[in-house]
Amino acid sequence: MSPVVQLVADDRTALIDQGQVPPPADWASRAVYRGEAGAKNWLAVVEEPGYPLRHPDRLGVWERRRDAVRRLNVGTLVSLGPGDGISDLELLAALSGECEGGLRERGVKYIPVDISRALLETAIAAIQPRHDVPVAVQCDFEEGQEFLRRALDRWAAPPLLFALLGGTLGNLDKGELSFFEGLRILMRAEDAILVDVPLAGPAWTPENDPRLRPEGYTPVFRRFLGTALTPRVSAAGRPAECPFEEEVAFTLRHDDDTGAEVITVCDLLDGHALLRFRRYYWQPALRWFEDHGFAMQFAWCSLASDQDSFGMGVVLLRLR
């Protein structure tokens, strides 16, 4: 029988997740993962056959992640938003092989970090049978870096590899600069971060991006967004069976700092942001990382043709 994994929680985040206090006004993407319902709905999205990073993924991202980390010397994998934990399980398999100094002398520890207790428990269930999970951390890694730092100082074995996988970079509520500045609180010179980068390809246009039109959202994804809409229905007086098309609106803006195209899904009645998707351009994204104090250890993107409208990139970064 596997030992029970200790879970340490930031009190404020835990209360929001439990529904005892409402999420802050500036929570958009973070709010949709709350509670058992939010976690269950997200796991249903990931399990859809059309989900772009479903394993085996057609873009080749999983293999390139393994390439990026295979020879790293890592004591602990710190997963920022682990989802179902399956991507992390693949990473741990690669990390547990050979490193630059030869065969590893000890296993790699695993610490998942999320605002959702239910998602943490899902990741633990996937990982613990094969790897040491000393603790799980329930906190907001966009704003709770100090809480996370204290947990890592106590339970993590250096060097650390942080992982921000899937579309999480593109979903950040507070944006890239705030996140990576906060990451500096957590990283030491020997640490690294592996990041998936959602990309706009040469053929990307607003007209061909499914996230800018209602029909681009499956019933499963609509139910996931409903996690954020539901608490506001009674207050706004929206009919219980209001069609999705009458609940949401979409905006698009170009971010001059990163060069990304930023899609925001908003509550149609009051304009509150529900979810963001950023589409980065590959070379500007790489320059942004370098301009903000990171050294590129590995960089790969799936874009292979002028006909590609969407892709994914994988980068491994260290502090410069």
C-alpha atoms as a PDB file:
ATOM      1  CA  MET A   1       0.000   0.000   0.000  1.00  0.00           C
ATOM      2  CA  SER A   2       1.419   3.396  -1.010  1.00  0.00           C
ATOM      3  CA  PRO A   3       2.058   5.914   1.765  1.00  0.00           C
ATOM      4  CA  VAL A   4      -0.257   8.909   1.997  1.00  0.00           C
ATOM      5  CA  VAL A   5       1.276  11.965   0.327  1.00  0.00           C
ATOM      6  CA  GLN A   6       1.323  15.076   2.460  1.00  0.00           C
ATOM      7  CA  LEU A   7      -0.506  18.019   0.914  1.00  0.00           C
ATOM      8  CA  VAL A   8       0.375  21.533   2.049  1.00  0.00           C
ATOM      9  CA  ALA A   9      -2.089  24.255   1.131  1.00  0.00           C
ATOM     10  CA  ASP A  10      -2.109  28.013   1.057  1.00  0.00           C
ATOM     11  CA  ASP A  11      -5.201  28.853   3.103  1.00  0.00           C
ATOM     12  CA  ARG A  12      -6.583  31.436   0.673  1.00  0.00           C
ATOM     13  CA  THR A  13      -6.198  29.161  -2.342  1.00  0.00           C
ATOM     14  CA  ALA A  14      -7.785  26.238  -0.512  1.00  0.00           C
ATOM     15  CA  LEU A  15     -10.832  28.303   0.477  1.00  0.00           C
ATOM     16  CA  ILE A  16     -11.305  29.465  -3.120  1.00  0.00           C
ATOM     17  CA  ASP A  17     -10.996  25.883  -4.382  1.00  0.00           C
ATOM     18  CA  GLN A  18     -13.564  24.708  -1.828  1.00  0.00           C
ATOM     19  CA  GLY A  19     -16.005  27.426  -2.874  1.00  0.00           C
ATOM     20  CA  GLN A  20     -16.007  29.006   0.588  1.00  0.00           C
ATOM     21  CA  VAL A  21     -14.842  32.348  -0.793  1.00  0.00           C
ATOM     22  CA  PRO A  22     -15.244  33.659  -4.336  1.00  0.00           C
ATOM     23  CA  PRO A  23     -12.209  33.884  -6.623  1.00  0.00           C
ATOM     24  CA  PRO A  24     -10.611  37.339  -6.941  1.00  0.00           C
ATOM     25  CA  ALA A  25     -11.876  39.567  -9.729  1.00  0.00           C
ATOM     26  CA  ASP A  26      -8.632  39.164 -11.696  1.00  0.00           C
ATOM     27  CA  TRP A  27      -8.893  35.362 -11.798  1.00  0.00           C
ATOM     28  CA  ALA A  28      -9.939  34.208 -15.260  1.00  0.00           C
ATOM     29  CA  SER A  29      -8.256  30.965 -16.360  1.00  0.00           C
ATOM     30  CA  ARG A  30      -7.475  30.096 -12.746  1.00  0.00           C
ATOM     31  CA  ALA A  31     -11.134  30.142 -11.742  1.00  0.00           C
ATOM     32  CA  VAL A  32     -12.321  27.421 -14.130  1.00  0.00           C
ATOM     33  CA  TYR A  33     -10.291  24.675 -12.409  1.00  0.00           C
ATOM     34  CA  ARG A  34     -11.869  25.126  -8.972  1.00  0.00           C
ATOM     35  CA  GLY A  35     -13.483  22.350  -7.000  1.00  0.00           C
ATOM     36  CA  GLU A  36     -14.387  18.801  -7.928  1.00  0.00           C
ATOM     37  CA  ALA A  37     -16.475  20.014 -10.868  1.00  0.00           C
ATOM     38  CA  GLY A  38     -13.715  22.128 -12.374  1.00  0.00           C
ATOM     39  CA  ALA A  39     -11.190  19.307 -12.101  1.00  0.00           C
ATOM     40  CA  LYS A  40     -13.585  16.724 -13.507  1.00  0.00           C
ATOM     41  CA  ASN A  41     -14.488  18.967 -16.429  1.00  0.00           C
ATOM     42  CA  TRP A  42     -10.835  19.663 -17.266  1.00  0.00           C
ATOM     43  CA  LEU A  43      -9.932  15.971 -17.198  1.00  0.00           C
ATOM     44  CA  ALA A  44     -12.797  15.354 -19.614  1.00  0.00           C
ATOM     45  CA  VAL A  45     -11.313  17.969 -21.986  1.00  0.00           C
ATOM     46  CA  VAL A  46      -7.888  16.318 -21.873  1.00  0.00           C
ATOM     47  CA  GLU A  47      -9.431  12.932 -22.635  1.00  0.00           C
ATOM     48  CA  GLU A  48     -11.250  14.118 -25.762  1.00  0.00           C
ATOM     49  CA  PRO A  49      -9.938  12.456 -28.964  1.00  0.00           C
ATOM     50  CA  GLY A  50      -9.457  15.863 -30.611  1.00  0.00           C
ATOM     51  CA  TYR A  51      -7.377  17.355 -27.788  1.00  0.00           C
ATOM     52  CA  PRO A  52      -4.142  18.436 -29.559  1.00  0.00           C
ATOM     53  CA  LEU A  53      -1.717  17.103 -26.916  1.00  0.00           C
ATOM     54  CA  ARG A  54      -3.506  13.818 -26.323  1.00  0.00           C
ATOM     55  CA  HIS A  55      -0.967  10.962 -26.211  1.00  0.00           C
ATOM     56  CA  PRO A  56       0.350   9.951 -28.648  1.00  0.00           C
ATOM     57  CA  ASP A  57       0.310  13.543 -29.856  1.00  0.00           C
ATOM     58  CA  ARG A  58       0.388  14.244 -33.541  1.00  0.00           C
ATOM     59  CA  LEU A  59       2.689  17.252 -33.131  1.00  0.00           C
ATOM     60  CA  GLY A  60       5.588  15.283 -31.620  1.00  0.00           C
ATOM     61  CA  VAL A  61       5.735  17.376 -28.453  1.00  0.00           C
ATOM     62  CA  TRP A  62       6.086  14.490 -25.996  1.00  0.00           C
ATOM     63  CA  GLU A  63       9.161  13.106 -27.752  1.00  0.00           C
ATOM     64  CA  ARG A  64      10.827  16.522 -27.867  1.00  0.00           C
ATOM     65  CA  ARG A  65      10.184  17.111 -24.178  1.00  0.00           C
ATOM     66  CA  ARG A  66      12.037  13.877 -23.489  1.00  0.00           C
ATOM     67  CA  ASP A  67      14.881  14.998 -25.762  1.00  0.00           C
ATOM     68  CA  ALA A  68      15.132  18.275 -23.858  1.00  0.00           C
ATOM     69  CA  VAL A  69      15.503  16.714 -20.409  1.00  0.00           C
ATOM     70  CA  ARG A  70      17.018  13.304 -21.030  1.00  0.00           C
ATOM     71  CA  ARG A  71      20.574  14.173 -19.976  1.00  0.00           C
ATOM     72  CA  LEU A  72      19.735  16.644 -17.221  1.00  0.00           C
ATOM     73  CA  ASN A  73      20.851  16.102 -13.661  1.00  0.00           C
ATOM     74  CA  VAL A  74      17.601  16.630 -11.751  1.00  0.00           C
ATOM     75  CA  GLY A  75      16.731  15.978  -8.131  1.00  0.00           C
ATOM     76  CA  THR A  76      13.084  17.075  -8.250  1.00  0.00           C
ATOM     77  CA  LEU A  77      10.536  17.655 -10.991  1.00  0.00           C
ATOM     78  CA  VAL A  78       8.230  20.498  -9.930  1.00  0.00           C
ATOM     79  CA  SER A  79       5.111  20.409 -12.087  1.00  0.00           C
ATOM     80  CA  LEU A  80       3.220  23.709 -12.318  1.00  0.00           C
ATOM     81  CA  GLY A  81      -0.293  22.630 -13.238  1.00  0.00           C
ATOM     82  CA  PRO A  82       0.102  18.831 -13.596  1.00  0.00           C
ATOM     83  CA  GLY A  83      -3.342  18.033 -15.013  1.00  0.00           C
ATOM     84  CA  ASP A  84      -3.760  14.259 -14.983  1.00  0.00           C
ATOM     85  CA  GLY A  85      -0.013  13.727 -14.388  1.00  0.00           C
ATOM     86  CA  ILE A  86       0.511  11.579 -17.495  1.00  0.00           C
ATOM     87  CA  SER A  87       2.834  14.070 -19.215  1.00  0.00           C
ATOM     88  CA  ASP A  88       4.873  14.259 -16.016  1.00  0.00           C
ATOM     89  CA  LEU A  89       5.097  10.467 -15.873  1.00  0.00           C
ATOM     90  CA  GLU A  90       6.712  10.524 -19.325  1.00  0.00           C
ATOM     91  CA  LEU A  91       9.168  13.212 -18.219  1.00  0.00           C
ATOM     92  CA  LEU A  92      10.104  11.288 -15.097  1.00  0.00           C
ATOM     93  CA  ALA A  93      10.847   8.212 -17.188  1.00  0.00           C
ATOM     94  CA  ALA A  94      13.277  10.258 -19.287  1.00  0.00           C
ATOM     95  CA  LEU A  95      14.810  11.941 -16.239  1.00  0.00           C
ATOM     96  CA  SER A  96      15.364   8.620 -14.500  1.00  0.00           C
ATOM     97  CA  GLY A  97      17.661   7.351 -17.271  1.00  0.00           C
ATOM     98  CA  GLU A  98      21.196   8.511 -17.906  1.00  0.00           C
ATOM     99  CA  CYS A  99      22.527  12.002 -17.207  1.00  0.00           C
ATOM    100  CA  GLU A 100      25.779  13.685 -18.196  1.00  0.00           C
ATOM    101  CA  GLY A 101      27.611  12.095 -15.267  1.00  0.00           C
ATOM    102  CA  GLY A 102      26.446   8.574 -16.111  1.00  0.00           C
ATOM    103  CA  LEU A 103      23.679   6.548 -14.509  1.00  0.00           C
ATOM    104  CA  ARG A 104      21.711   8.327 -11.821  1.00  0.00           C
ATOM    105  CA  GLU A 105      22.477   7.417  -8.250  1.00  0.00           C
ATOM    106  CA  ARG A 106      19.035   8.316  -6.929  1.00  0.00           C
ATOM    107  CA  GLY A 107      15.494   8.616  -8.159  1.00  0.00           C
ATOM    108  CA  VAL A 108      13.913  11.901  -9.170  1.00  0.00           C
ATOM    109  CA  LYS A 109      11.375  13.277  -6.710  1.00  0.00           C
ATOM    110  CA  TYR A 110       8.079  14.710  -7.944  1.00  0.00           C
ATOM    111  CA  ILE A 111       6.198  17.703  -6.514  1.00  0.00           C
ATOM    112  CA  PRO A 112       2.948  18.765  -8.212  1.00  0.00           C
ATOM    113  CA  VAL A 113       1.645  22.321  -7.723  1.00  0.00           C
ATOM    114  CA  ASP A 114      -1.913  23.407  -8.488  1.00  0.00           C
ATOM    115  CA  ILE A 115      -4.821  25.483  -7.193  1.00  0.00           C
ATOM    116  CA  SER A 116      -7.036  22.394  -7.477  1.00  0.00           C
ATOM    117  CA  ARG A 117      -6.802  19.755  -4.761  1.00  0.00           C
ATOM    118  CA  ALA A 118      -8.655  17.272  -6.966  1.00  0.00           C
ATOM    119  CA  LEU A 119      -6.124  17.659  -9.775  1.00  0.00           C
ATOM    120  CA  LEU A 120      -3.262  17.256  -7.320  1.00  0.00           C
ATOM    121  CA  GLU A 121      -4.792  14.000  -6.112  1.00  0.00           C
ATOM    122  CA  THR A 122      -5.199  12.843  -9.722  1.00  0.00           C
ATOM    123  CA  ALA A 123      -1.531  13.543 -10.489  1.00  0.00           C
ATOM    124  CA  ILE A 124      -0.403  11.804  -7.298  1.00  0.00           C
ATOM    125  CA  ALA A 125      -2.385   8.690  -8.225  1.00  0.00           C
ATOM    126  CA  ALA A 126      -0.640   8.578 -11.608  1.00  0.00           C
ATOM    127  CA  ILE A 127       2.898   9.172 -10.341  1.00  0.00           C
ATOM    128  CA  GLN A 128       3.210   7.681  -6.853  1.00  0.00           C
ATOM    129  CA  PRO A 129       3.268   3.997  -7.863  1.00  0.00           C
ATOM    130  CA  ARG A 130       6.583   4.609  -9.663  1.00  0.00           C
ATOM    131  CA  HIS A 131       8.182   7.707  -8.135  1.00  0.00           C
ATOM    132  CA  ASP A 132       8.715   9.430  -4.790  1.00  0.00           C
ATOM    133  CA  VAL A 133       6.152  12.187  -4.154  1.00  0.00           C
ATOM    134  CA  PRO A 134       7.313  13.877  -0.941  1.00  0.00           C
ATOM    135  CA  VAL A 135       4.588  16.535  -0.961  1.00  0.00           C
ATOM    136  CA  ALA A 136       1.917  18.165  -3.109  1.00  0.00           C
ATOM    137  CA  VAL A 137       1.461  21.923  -2.962  1.00  0.00           C
ATOM    138  CA  GLN A 138      -1.918  23.607  -3.301  1.00  0.00           C
ATOM    139  CA  CYS A 139      -1.235  27.236  -4.131  1.00  0.00           C
ATOM    140  CA  ASP A 140      -1.504  29.794  -6.903  1.00  0.00           C
ATOM    141  CA  PHE A 141       1.853  29.617  -8.689  1.00  0.00           C
ATOM    142  CA  GLU A 142       1.133  32.896 -10.485  1.00  0.00           C
ATOM    143  CA  GLU A 143       1.037  34.846  -7.214  1.00  0.00           C
ATOM    144  CA  GLY A 144       1.982  32.444  -4.437  1.00  0.00           C
ATOM    145  CA  GLN A 145       5.667  31.986  -5.216  1.00  0.00           C
ATOM    146  CA  GLU A 146       6.758  32.760  -1.668  1.00  0.00           C
ATOM    147  CA  PHE A 147       4.530  30.016  -0.253  1.00  0.00           C
ATOM    148  CA  LEU A 148       5.826  27.629  -2.905  1.00  0.00           C
ATOM    149  CA  ARG A 149       9.448  28.577  -2.214  1.00  0.00           C
ATOM    150  CA  ARG A 150       9.090  27.640   1.452  1.00  0.00           C
ATOM    151  CA  ALA A 151       7.610  24.270   0.493  1.00  0.00           C
ATOM    152  CA  LEU A 152      10.394  23.568  -1.993  1.00  0.00           C
ATOM    153  CA  ASP A 153      13.077  24.584   0.499  1.00  0.00           C
ATOM    154  CA  ARG A 154      11.708  21.954   2.870  1.00  0.00           C
ATOM    155  CA  TRP A 155      10.830  19.032   0.596  1.00  0.00           C
ATOM    156  CA  ALA A 156      12.595  19.377  -2.784  1.00  0.00           C
ATOM    157  CA  ALA A 157      16.005  17.904  -3.592  1.00  0.00           C
ATOM    158  CA  PRO A 158      18.065  20.105  -5.918  1.00  0.00           C
ATOM    159  CA  PRO A 159      18.632  20.632  -8.771  1.00  0.00           C
ATOM    160  CA  LEU A 160      15.026  21.421  -9.683  1.00  0.00           C
ATOM    161  CA  LEU A 161      13.334  21.117 -13.051  1.00  0.00           C
ATOM    162  CA  PHE A 162      10.145  23.185 -13.242  1.00  0.00           C
ATOM    163  CA  ALA A 163       7.624  22.147 -15.889  1.00  0.00           C
ATOM    164  CA  LEU A 164       4.940  24.383 -17.422  1.00  0.00           C
ATOM    165  CA  LEU A 165       3.350  22.106 -19.984  1.00  0.00           C
ATOM    166  CA  GLY A 166       0.406  22.054 -22.372  1.00  0.00           C
ATOM    167  CA  GLY A 167      -1.214  25.422 -22.979  1.00  0.00           C
ATOM    168  CA  THR A 168      -0.565  26.782 -19.479  1.00  0.00           C
ATOM    169  CA  LEU A 169       1.877  29.484 -20.637  1.00  0.00           C
ATOM    170  CA  GLY A 170      -0.790  30.804 -22.982  1.00  0.00           C
ATOM    171  CA  ASN A 171      -3.487  30.697 -20.287  1.00  0.00           C
ATOM    172  CA  LEU A 172      -1.686  32.709 -17.572  1.00  0.00           C
ATOM    173  CA  ASP A 173      -3.947  35.378 -16.102  1.00  0.00           C
ATOM    174  CA  LYS A 174      -1.175  37.775 -15.099  1.00  0.00           C
ATOM    175  CA  GLY A 175       0.911  37.301 -18.205  1.00  0.00           C
ATOM    176  CA  GLU A 176       4.434  36.180 -18.953  1.00  0.00           C
ATOM    177  CA  LEU A 177       6.455  38.943 -17.317  1.00  0.00           C
ATOM    178  CA  SER A 178       4.783  38.553 -13.925  1.00  0.00           C
ATOM    179  CA  PHE A 179       5.136  34.778 -14.024  1.00  0.00           C
ATOM    180  CA  PHE A 180       8.799  34.658 -14.998  1.00  0.00           C
ATOM    181  CA  GLU A 181       9.744  37.390 -12.548  1.00  0.00           C
ATOM    182  CA  GLY A 182       8.095  35.296  -9.847  1.00  0.00           C
ATOM    183  CA  LEU A 183       9.916  32.222 -11.096  1.00  0.00           C
ATOM    184  CA  ARG A 184      13.223  33.892 -10.282  1.00  0.00           C
ATOM    185  CA  ILE A 185      12.245  33.706  -6.619  1.00  0.00           C
ATOM    186  CA  LEU A 186      12.151  29.930  -6.974  1.00  0.00           C
ATOM    187  CA  MET A 187      15.099  29.175  -9.277  1.00  0.00           C
ATOM    188  CA  ARG A 188      18.768  28.766  -8.513  1.00  0.00           C
ATOM    189  CA  ALA A 189      21.561  28.763 -11.077  1.00  0.00           C
ATOM    190  CA  GLU A 190      21.535  24.959 -11.384  1.00  0.00           C
ATOM    191  CA  ASP A 191      17.747  24.782 -11.921  1.00  0.00           C
ATOM    192  CA  ALA A 192      15.889  24.770 -15.243  1.00  0.00           C
ATOM    193  CA  ILE A 193      12.352  25.158 -16.560  1.00  0.00           C
ATOM    194  CA  LEU A 194      10.739  23.229 -19.385  1.00  0.00           C
ATOM    195  CA  VAL A 195       8.002  25.195 -21.159  1.00  0.00           C
ATOM    196  CA  ASP A 196       5.508  24.294 -23.884  1.00  0.00           C
ATOM    197  CA  VAL A 197       4.794  27.261 -26.167  1.00  0.00           C
ATOM    198  CA  PRO A 198       1.489  27.393 -28.127  1.00  0.00           C
ATOM    199  CA  LEU A 199       2.323  28.820 -31.554  1.00  0.00           C
ATOM    200  CA  ALA A 200       0.648  30.711 -34.356  1.00  0.00           C
ATOM    201  CA  GLY A 201       2.003  29.317 -37.600  1.00  0.00           C
ATOM    202  CA  PRO A 202       2.583  31.128 -40.901  1.00  0.00           C
ATOM    203  CA  ALA A 203      -0.994  30.431 -41.981  1.00  0.00           C
ATOM    204  CA  TRP A 204      -2.642  31.591 -38.745  1.00  0.00           C
ATOM    205  CA  THR A 205      -5.442  34.129 -39.123  1.00  0.00           C
ATOM    206  CA  PRO A 206      -8.238  35.193 -36.777  1.00  0.00           C
ATOM    207  CA  GLU A 207     -10.679  33.593 -39.197  1.00  0.00           C
ATOM    208  CA  ASN A 208      -9.137  30.116 -38.936  1.00  0.00           C
ATOM    209  CA  ASP A 209      -8.583  30.025 -35.168  1.00  0.00           C
ATOM    210  CA  PRO A 210     -11.336  27.863 -33.617  1.00  0.00           C
ATOM    211  CA  ARG A 211     -11.024  29.599 -30.243  1.00  0.00           C
ATOM    212  CA  LEU A 212     -12.466  32.788 -31.744  1.00  0.00           C
ATOM    213  CA  ARG A 213     -15.838  31.265 -32.636  1.00  0.00           C
ATOM    214  CA  PRO A 214     -18.430  29.318 -30.623  1.00  0.00           C
ATOM    215  CA  GLU A 215     -18.432  26.294 -32.927  1.00  0.00           C
ATOM    216  CA  GLY A 216     -14.763  25.745 -32.065  1.00  0.00           C
ATOM    217  CA  TYR A 217     -15.762  24.633 -28.550  1.00  0.00           C
ATOM    218  CA  THR A 218     -16.933  21.069 -28.062  1.00  0.00           C
ATOM    219  CA  PRO A 219     -19.744  20.297 -25.629  1.00  0.00           C
ATOM    220  CA  VAL A 220     -17.108  19.013 -23.206  1.00  0.00           C
ATOM    221  CA  PHE A 221     -15.105  22.235 -23.396  1.00  0.00           C
ATOM    222  CA  ARG A 222     -18.281  24.303 -23.021  1.00  0.00           C
ATOM    223  CA  ARG A 223     -19.047  22.421 -19.818  1.00  0.00           C
ATOM    224  CA  PHE A 224     -15.529  23.205 -18.584  1.00  0.00           C
ATOM    225  CA  LEU A 225     -16.092  26.931 -19.140  1.00  0.00           C
ATOM    226  CA  GLY A 226     -19.410  26.589 -17.370  1.00  0.00           C
ATOM    227  CA  THR A 227     -17.482  26.182 -14.121  1.00  0.00           C
ATOM    228  CA  ALA A 228     -16.826  29.914 -14.263  1.00  0.00           C
ATOM    229  CA  LEU A 229     -20.199  30.905 -15.695  1.00  0.00           C
ATOM    230  CA  THR A 230     -22.423  29.027 -13.254  1.00  0.00           C
ATOM    231  CA  PRO A 231     -21.847  31.104 -10.091  1.00  0.00           C
ATOM    232  CA  ARG A 232     -22.767  34.241 -12.020  1.00  0.00           C
ATOM    233  CA  VAL A 233     -25.958  32.954 -13.623  1.00  0.00           C
ATOM    234  CA  SER A 234     -28.353  33.761 -10.798  1.00  0.00           C
ATOM    235  CA  ALA A 235     -26.752  37.120 -10.074  1.00  0.00           C
ATOM    236  CA  ALA A 236     -26.955  38.172 -13.708  1.00  0.00           C
ATOM    237  CA  GLY A 237     -30.412  36.749 -14.258  1.00  0.00           C
ATOM    238  CA  ARG A 238     -29.317  34.538 -17.145  1.00  0.00           C
ATOM    239  CA  PRO A 239     -31.734  31.756 -18.127  1.00  0.00           C
ATOM    240  CA  ALA A 240     -30.568  28.341 -16.912  1.00  0.00           C
ATOM    241  CA  GLU A 241     -30.593  26.887 -20.440  1.00  0.00           C
ATOM    242  CA  CYS A 242     -28.969  29.857 -22.166  1.00  0.00           C
ATOM    243  CA  PRO A 243     -27.131  28.706 -25.350  1.00  0.00           C
ATOM    244  CA  PHE A 244     -23.354  28.897 -25.223  1.00  0.00           C
ATOM    245  CA  GLU A 245     -23.361  31.428 -28.075  1.00  0.00           C
ATOM    246  CA  GLU A 246     -25.414  33.786 -25.901  1.00  0.00           C
ATOM    247  CA  GLU A 247     -23.192  33.347 -22.838  1.00  0.00           C
ATOM    248  CA  VAL A 248     -19.774  34.233 -24.200  1.00  0.00           C
ATOM    249  CA  ALA A 249     -17.990  36.758 -26.389  1.00  0.00           C
ATOM    250  CA  PHE A 250     -14.499  36.656 -27.886  1.00  0.00           C
ATOM    251  CA  THR A 251     -11.865  39.375 -28.148  1.00  0.00           C
ATOM    252  CA  LEU A 252      -8.503  39.426 -29.892  1.00  0.00           C
ATOM    253  CA  ARG A 253      -5.569  41.741 -29.325  1.00  0.00           C
ATOM    254  CA  HIS A 254      -1.907  41.746 -30.316  1.00  0.00           C
ATOM    255  CA  ASP A 255       0.545  41.930 -27.411  1.00  0.00           C
ATOM    256  CA  ASP A 256       3.419  44.213 -28.375  1.00  0.00           C
ATOM    257  CA  ASP A 257       5.686  42.925 -25.594  1.00  0.00           C
ATOM    258  CA  THR A 258       5.729  39.233 -26.558  1.00  0.00           C
ATOM    259  CA  GLY A 259       4.368  39.548 -30.084  1.00  0.00           C
ATOM    260  CA  ALA A 260       1.603  37.070 -29.228  1.00  0.00           C
ATOM    261  CA  GLU A 261      -2.004  37.082 -30.372  1.00  0.00           C
ATOM    262  CA  VAL A 262      -4.196  37.033 -27.248  1.00  0.00           C
ATOM    263  CA  ILE A 263      -7.687  35.542 -27.419  1.00  0.00           C
ATOM    264  CA  THR A 264      -9.972  36.176 -24.440  1.00  0.00           C
ATOM    265  CA  VAL A 265     -13.240  34.352 -23.811  1.00  0.00           C
ATOM    266  CA  CYS A 266     -15.516  36.685 -21.849  1.00  0.00           C
ATOM    267  CA  ASP A 267     -18.855  36.484 -20.111  1.00  0.00           C
ATOM    268  CA  LEU A 268     -21.143  38.211 -22.594  1.00  0.00           C
ATOM    269  CA  LEU A 269     -23.307  39.798 -19.904  1.00  0.00           C
ATOM    270  CA  ASP A 270     -20.651  41.568 -17.864  1.00  0.00           C
ATOM    271  CA  GLY A 271     -17.411  41.251 -19.845  1.00  0.00           C
ATOM    272  CA  HIS A 272     -15.611  39.228 -17.154  1.00  0.00           C
ATOM    273  CA  ALA A 273     -12.708  37.232 -18.646  1.00  0.00           C
ATOM    274  CA  LEU A 274     -13.184  33.466 -18.387  1.00  0.00           C
ATOM    275  CA  LEU A 275     -10.178  32.075 -20.236  1.00  0.00           C
ATOM    276  CA  ARG A 276      -7.242  33.288 -22.332  1.00  0.00           C
ATOM    277  CA  PHE A 277      -5.379  31.644 -25.170  1.00  0.00           C
ATOM    278  CA  ARG A 278      -2.119  33.121 -26.425  1.00  0.00           C
ATOM    279  CA  ARG A 279      -0.685  32.242 -29.833  1.00  0.00           C
ATOM    280  CA  TYR A 280       3.024  33.030 -29.882  1.00  0.00           C
ATOM    281  CA  TYR A 281       5.253  33.491 -32.904  1.00  0.00           C
ATOM    282  CA  TRP A 282       8.297  31.258 -32.572  1.00  0.00           C
ATOM    283  CA  GLN A 283      11.254  33.572 -33.127  1.00  0.00           C
ATOM    284  CA  PRO A 284       9.778  36.541 -31.206  1.00  0.00           C
ATOM    285  CA  ALA A 285       8.993  34.178 -28.322  1.00  0.00           C
ATOM    286  CA  LEU A 286      12.605  32.941 -28.211  1.00  0.00           C
ATOM    287  CA  ARG A 287      13.880  36.513 -28.247  1.00  0.00           C
ATOM    288  CA  TRP A 288      11.500  37.410 -25.422  1.00  0.00           C
ATOM    289  CA  PHE A 289      12.943  34.676 -23.189  1.00  0.00           C
ATOM    290  CA  GLU A 290      16.488  35.762 -23.977  1.00  0.00           C
ATOM    291  CA  ASP A 291      15.691  39.447 -23.445  1.00  0.00           C
ATOM    292  CA  HIS A 292      14.289  38.630 -20.009  1.00  0.00           C
ATOM    293  CA  GLY A 293      17.333  36.899 -18.592  1.00  0.00           C
ATOM    294  CA  PHE A 294      16.995  33.280 -19.678  1.00  0.00           C
ATOM    295  CA  ALA A 295      19.523  31.171 -21.562  1.00  0.00           C
ATOM    296  CA  MET A 296      18.143  28.748 -24.126  1.00  0.00           C
ATOM    297  CA  GLN A 297      19.317  25.167 -23.509  1.00  0.00           C
ATOM    298  CA  PHE A 298      16.930  23.513 -25.953  1.00  0.00           C
ATOM    299  CA  ALA A 299      14.438  24.853 -28.486  1.00  0.00           C
ATOM    300  CA  TRP A 300      12.223  22.997 -30.943  1.00  0.00           C
ATOM    301  CA  CYS A 301       8.939  23.771 -32.680  1.00  0.00           C
ATOM    302  CA  SER A 302       6.528  21.640 -34.658  1.00  0.00           C
ATOM    303  CA  LEU A 303       5.961  24.162 -37.459  1.00  0.00           C
ATOM    304  CA  ALA A 304       7.165  22.625 -40.725  1.00  0.00           C
ATOM    305  CA  SER A 305       5.174  24.284 -43.502  1.00  0.00           C
ATOM    306  CA  ASP A 306       3.848  27.639 -44.603  1.00  0.00           C
ATOM    307  CA  GLN A 307       0.455  25.962 -44.463  1.00  0.00           C
ATOM    308  CA  ASP A 308       0.639  25.405 -40.698  1.00  0.00           C
ATOM    309  CA  SER A 309      -1.735  27.643 -38.757  1.00  0.00           C
ATOM    310  CA  PHE A 310      -1.023  26.192 -35.297  1.00  0.00           C
ATOM    311  CA  GLY A 311       1.905  24.446 -33.624  1.00  0.00           C
ATOM    312  CA  MET A 312       3.705  23.863 -30.366  1.00  0.00           C
ATOM    313  CA  GLY A 313       7.200  24.687 -29.247  1.00  0.00           C
ATOM    314  CA  VAL A 314       9.322  23.194 -26.481  1.00  0.00           C
ATOM    315  CA  VAL A 315      12.025  25.205 -24.724  1.00  0.00           C
ATOM    316  CA  LEU A 316      14.357  24.414 -21.844  1.00  0.00           C
ATOM    317  CA  LEU A 317      15.523  27.548 -20.035  1.00  0.00           C
ATOM    318  CA  ARG A 318      18.085  28.378 -17.381  1.00  0.00           C
ATOM    319  CA  LEU A 319      18.806  31.630 -15.600  1.00  0.00           C
ATOM    320  CA  ARG A 320      21.474  33.627 -17.379  1.00  0.00           C
END
